[in-house]
Amino acid sequence: MFKPFITALIYRILSFLQTNETFFTQSAEERIKSMETLKLPPIFKTYLGKISEKEFLRDLTLSINYSNEGKLQETNQNPFFLSLIDFFTKNFSMRMDIMNESYSFSDQKRQEIALKIMPGEGELAESLRHLLLHYSYQELANEIIKICTTVANAPLILIQSPREIDLSLKKEIRTKLLTEEPLAFLSFQINRKLIGGVRVFKGGKVVDHSWLSRVLRFKSLTSV
């Protein structure tokens, strides 16, 4: 599923390193400056700014194994895969929410939305748009959850509500809960049996987040 994205990511990093042969011998400040024009999600620039050449070669092997065979052995707390989780659970997951709301739109309209929320040229941007357009929310979520669990032992956080939560509120909830579990994947689910408020499950167990219910009720009143 993520092979095109991982491949494009590795290719861009390797192309950059090929033209910056002294990168791993540079100071932290020099590395930051040399990456100014490198078009990568910020979390991967942070990763490159801290990693050693030996560690990078190790991570390169692990990422290729995962890309080709889906293997996540020896990735527990691995810096590259932790960066991958950070990207998927924050940057990418919000775009998944947007695309999920457009599942009934025409293919052309969905392509327009994907281009708007994931702009850019080249294989890296195209690979991310491909994921949004050709896989369901649940398919993407399942693979991200597997990575989160294996690499960081991070729980799935499931938020159930009696009605669809609007995108701005999803972003607010995601930002708040990720301060508590920064490497967890948040999934939103409608449960019409709930009379009001929300239920939050963390690792399969119900946890108290009564502030979410209060926020939802407030939003409902102010939108009338």
Protein backbone atom coordinates (compact mmCIF):
# COMPACT_ATOMS: atom_id res chain seq x y z
CA MET A 1 0.00 0.00 0.00
CA PHE A 2 2.66 2.53 1.04
CA LYS A 3 5.36 1.26 -1.33
CA PRO A 4 5.06 4.14 -3.88
CA PHE A 5 5.24 6.72 -1.08
CA ILE A 6 8.19 5.09 0.71
CA THR A 7 10.00 4.60 -2.60
CA ALA A 8 9.48 8.24 -3.62
CA LEU A 9 10.54 9.41 -0.17
CA ILE A 10 13.75 7.36 -0.22
CA TYR A 11 14.55 8.43 -3.77
CA ARG A 12 14.22 12.11 -2.89
CA ILE A 13 16.41 11.74 0.18
CA LEU A 14 19.06 9.76 -1.69
CA SER A 15 19.06 12.28 -4.55
CA PHE A 16 19.62 15.05 -2.03
CA LEU A 17 22.45 13.18 -0.29
CA GLN A 18 24.09 12.44 -3.62
CA THR A 19 24.48 16.16 -4.26
CA ASN A 20 25.42 16.87 -0.63
CA GLU A 21 28.17 14.34 -0.04
CA THR A 22 29.41 15.98 3.18
CA PHE A 23 25.94 16.16 4.75
CA PHE A 24 26.59 13.68 7.57
CA THR A 25 29.79 15.45 8.60
CA GLN A 26 28.10 18.84 8.85
CA SER A 27 27.00 20.53 12.06
CA ALA A 28 23.32 20.71 12.96
CA GLU A 29 23.14 24.31 11.75
CA GLU A 30 24.83 23.44 8.45
CA ARG A 31 22.45 20.55 7.90
CA ILE A 32 19.42 22.78 8.43
CA LYS A 33 20.76 25.33 5.97
CA SER A 34 21.57 22.70 3.34
CA MET A 35 17.99 21.37 3.52
CA GLU A 36 16.32 24.74 2.92
CA THR A 37 15.37 23.88 -0.67
CA LEU A 38 14.74 20.17 -0.03
CA LYS A 39 11.05 19.46 -0.62
CA LEU A 40 10.15 17.03 2.13
CA PRO A 41 7.52 17.01 4.89
CA PRO A 42 9.13 18.85 7.85
CA ILE A 43 9.24 15.77 10.10
CA PHE A 44 11.59 14.01 7.68
CA LYS A 45 13.88 17.03 7.58
CA THR A 46 13.99 16.87 11.38
CA TYR A 47 14.88 13.19 11.10
CA LEU A 48 17.70 13.87 8.62
CA GLY A 49 19.02 16.68 10.80
CA LYS A 50 19.64 14.31 13.71
CA ILE A 51 20.59 10.98 12.16
CA SER A 52 24.12 9.65 11.59
CA GLU A 53 25.22 8.07 8.32
CA LYS A 54 25.39 4.62 9.93
CA GLU A 55 21.89 5.00 11.38
CA PHE A 56 20.57 6.23 8.05
CA LEU A 57 21.92 3.17 6.21
CA ARG A 58 20.28 0.93 8.83
CA ASP A 59 16.97 2.76 8.44
CA LEU A 60 17.25 2.63 4.67
CA THR A 61 17.42 -1.17 4.80
CA LEU A 62 14.47 -1.38 7.18
CA SER A 63 12.35 0.98 5.07
CA ILE A 64 13.08 -1.01 1.91
CA ASN A 65 12.12 -4.24 3.69
CA TYR A 66 8.85 -2.69 4.79
CA SER A 67 8.18 -1.17 1.37
CA ASN A 68 8.79 -4.42 -0.51
CA GLU A 69 7.56 -7.06 1.92
CA GLY A 70 5.59 -5.27 4.62
CA LYS A 71 8.13 -6.35 7.24
CA LEU A 72 8.29 -4.31 10.44
CA GLN A 73 10.86 -6.41 12.28
CA GLU A 74 13.49 -4.42 14.19
CA THR A 75 11.55 -1.18 13.75
CA ASN A 76 10.57 -0.74 17.40
CA GLN A 77 11.33 2.90 18.34
CA ASN A 78 13.21 3.30 15.05
CA PRO A 79 13.74 7.03 14.22
CA PHE A 80 12.66 6.76 10.58
CA PHE A 81 9.48 4.85 11.40
CA LEU A 82 8.69 7.16 14.31
CA SER A 83 8.90 10.03 11.80
CA LEU A 84 6.62 8.07 9.49
CA ILE A 85 4.08 7.66 12.29
CA ASP A 86 4.26 11.36 13.11
CA PHE A 87 3.55 12.22 9.48
CA PHE A 88 0.65 9.78 9.12
CA THR A 89 -1.06 10.54 12.44
CA LYS A 90 -0.88 14.33 12.11
CA ASN A 91 -0.36 15.71 8.59
CA PHE A 92 -1.84 12.87 6.56
CA SER A 93 -4.71 11.82 8.83
CA MET A 94 -6.42 15.20 8.54
CA ARG A 95 -6.39 14.84 4.77
CA MET A 96 -7.85 11.37 5.19
CA ASP A 97 -10.74 12.96 7.09
CA ILE A 98 -11.39 15.36 4.21
CA MET A 99 -11.29 12.65 1.55
CA ASN A 100 -13.53 10.42 3.62
CA GLU A 101 -16.27 13.04 3.44
CA SER A 102 -16.05 13.06 -0.37
CA TYR A 103 -16.40 9.30 -0.94
CA SER A 104 -19.70 9.76 -2.82
CA PHE A 105 -18.38 12.51 -5.12
CA SER A 106 -17.46 11.93 -8.76
CA ASP A 107 -13.93 10.77 -9.57
CA GLN A 108 -13.12 14.13 -11.13
CA LYS A 109 -14.31 16.04 -8.07
CA ARG A 110 -12.33 13.77 -5.74
CA GLN A 111 -9.21 14.28 -7.85
CA GLU A 112 -9.69 18.04 -7.59
CA ILE A 113 -10.01 17.78 -3.81
CA ALA A 114 -6.93 15.55 -3.54
CA LEU A 115 -4.89 18.03 -5.57
CA LYS A 116 -6.10 20.91 -3.41
CA ILE A 117 -5.30 19.30 -0.06
CA MET A 118 -2.12 17.56 -1.24
CA PRO A 119 -0.58 19.94 -3.81
CA GLY A 120 2.78 19.57 -5.44
CA GLU A 121 4.49 17.94 -8.38
CA GLY A 122 6.70 14.88 -8.56
CA GLU A 123 6.37 11.30 -7.44
CA LEU A 124 6.22 12.08 -3.72
CA ALA A 125 3.11 14.27 -3.96
CA GLU A 126 1.57 11.96 -6.55
CA SER A 127 2.08 8.94 -4.30
CA LEU A 128 0.23 10.66 -1.44
CA ARG A 129 -2.66 11.64 -3.71
CA HIS A 130 -2.77 8.06 -4.97
CA LEU A 131 -3.21 6.81 -1.41
CA LEU A 132 -6.08 9.22 -0.77
CA LEU A 133 -7.85 8.40 -4.04
CA HIS A 134 -7.40 4.64 -4.34
CA TYR A 135 -7.68 3.35 -0.78
CA SER A 136 -10.56 3.64 1.64
CA TYR A 137 -10.25 5.43 4.94
CA GLN A 138 -10.37 2.09 6.77
CA GLU A 139 -7.71 0.47 4.59
CA LEU A 140 -5.32 3.34 5.24
CA ALA A 141 -6.20 3.44 8.93
CA ASN A 142 -5.58 -0.30 9.40
CA GLU A 143 -2.05 -0.09 7.98
CA ILE A 144 -1.20 3.07 9.93
CA ILE A 145 -2.48 1.47 13.14
CA LYS A 146 -0.28 -1.58 12.50
CA ILE A 147 2.79 0.65 12.18
CA CYS A 148 1.86 2.67 15.28
CA THR A 149 1.38 -0.48 17.35
CA THR A 150 4.52 -2.27 16.17
CA VAL A 151 6.92 0.68 16.17
CA ALA A 152 5.72 2.75 19.12
CA ASN A 153 3.25 0.51 20.98
CA ALA A 154 0.82 3.39 20.49
CA PRO A 155 -2.89 2.73 20.97
CA LEU A 156 -5.74 3.32 18.57
CA ILE A 157 -7.95 6.14 19.85
CA LEU A 158 -11.53 5.76 18.62
CA ILE A 159 -13.96 8.66 18.98
CA GLN A 160 -17.62 7.71 18.66
CA SER A 161 -20.28 10.38 18.20
CA PRO A 162 -24.02 10.25 17.42
CA ARG A 163 -23.52 12.37 14.30
CA GLU A 164 -20.78 13.39 11.91
CA ILE A 165 -18.29 15.78 13.49
CA ASP A 166 -17.29 18.67 11.24
CA LEU A 167 -13.73 18.92 9.98
CA SER A 168 -12.71 21.93 12.07
CA LEU A 169 -13.81 20.19 15.26
CA LYS A 170 -12.06 16.96 14.21
CA LYS A 171 -8.87 18.96 13.84
CA GLU A 172 -9.38 20.51 17.28
CA ILE A 173 -10.01 17.10 18.87
CA ARG A 174 -7.07 15.51 17.06
CA THR A 175 -4.72 18.29 18.19
CA LYS A 176 -5.86 17.99 21.81
CA LEU A 177 -5.70 14.20 22.08
CA LEU A 178 -2.36 13.97 20.29
CA THR A 179 -0.82 16.05 23.05
CA GLU A 180 -1.66 13.10 25.33
CA GLU A 181 -0.73 10.30 22.91
CA PRO A 182 1.47 11.91 20.22
CA LEU A 183 2.02 8.69 18.25
CA ALA A 184 -1.53 7.30 18.36
CA PHE A 185 -3.89 7.11 15.40
CA LEU A 186 -7.27 8.80 15.91
CA SER A 187 -10.29 7.37 14.14
CA PHE A 188 -13.77 8.93 14.13
CA GLN A 189 -16.87 6.74 14.04
CA ILE A 190 -20.61 7.45 14.06
CA ASN A 191 -22.67 5.55 16.64
CA ARG A 192 -26.28 6.67 16.36
CA LYS A 193 -27.20 4.76 19.52
CA LEU A 194 -25.43 7.41 21.55
CA ILE A 195 -28.04 9.85 22.84
CA GLY A 196 -25.59 12.70 23.18
CA GLY A 197 -21.95 13.47 23.69
CA VAL A 198 -19.16 11.16 22.65
CA ARG A 199 -17.36 8.02 23.74
CA VAL A 200 -13.60 7.76 23.55
CA PHE A 201 -11.81 4.41 23.43
CA LYS A 202 -8.06 4.16 23.92
CA GLY A 203 -6.60 0.76 23.21
CA GLY A 204 -10.09 -0.73 23.31
CA LYS A 205 -10.97 0.72 26.72
CA VAL A 206 -13.40 3.55 27.38
CA VAL A 207 -11.69 6.62 28.81
CA ASP A 208 -13.22 9.76 30.27
CA HIS A 209 -13.07 12.78 27.99
CA SER A 210 -16.20 14.61 29.13
CA TRP A 211 -14.82 17.87 27.75
CA LEU A 212 -15.47 16.46 24.25
CA SER A 213 -19.16 16.06 25.03
CA ARG A 214 -19.34 19.61 26.31
CA VAL A 215 -17.62 20.93 23.19
CA LEU A 216 -20.00 19.00 20.92
CA ARG A 217 -23.06 20.30 22.75
CA PHE A 218 -21.71 23.85 22.55
CA LYS A 219 -21.04 23.51 18.82
CA SER A 220 -24.55 22.15 18.28
CA LEU A 221 -26.14 25.10 20.09
CA THR A 222 -24.08 27.73 18.31
CA SER A 223 -24.80 26.22 14.87
CA VAL A 224 -28.59 26.41 15.26
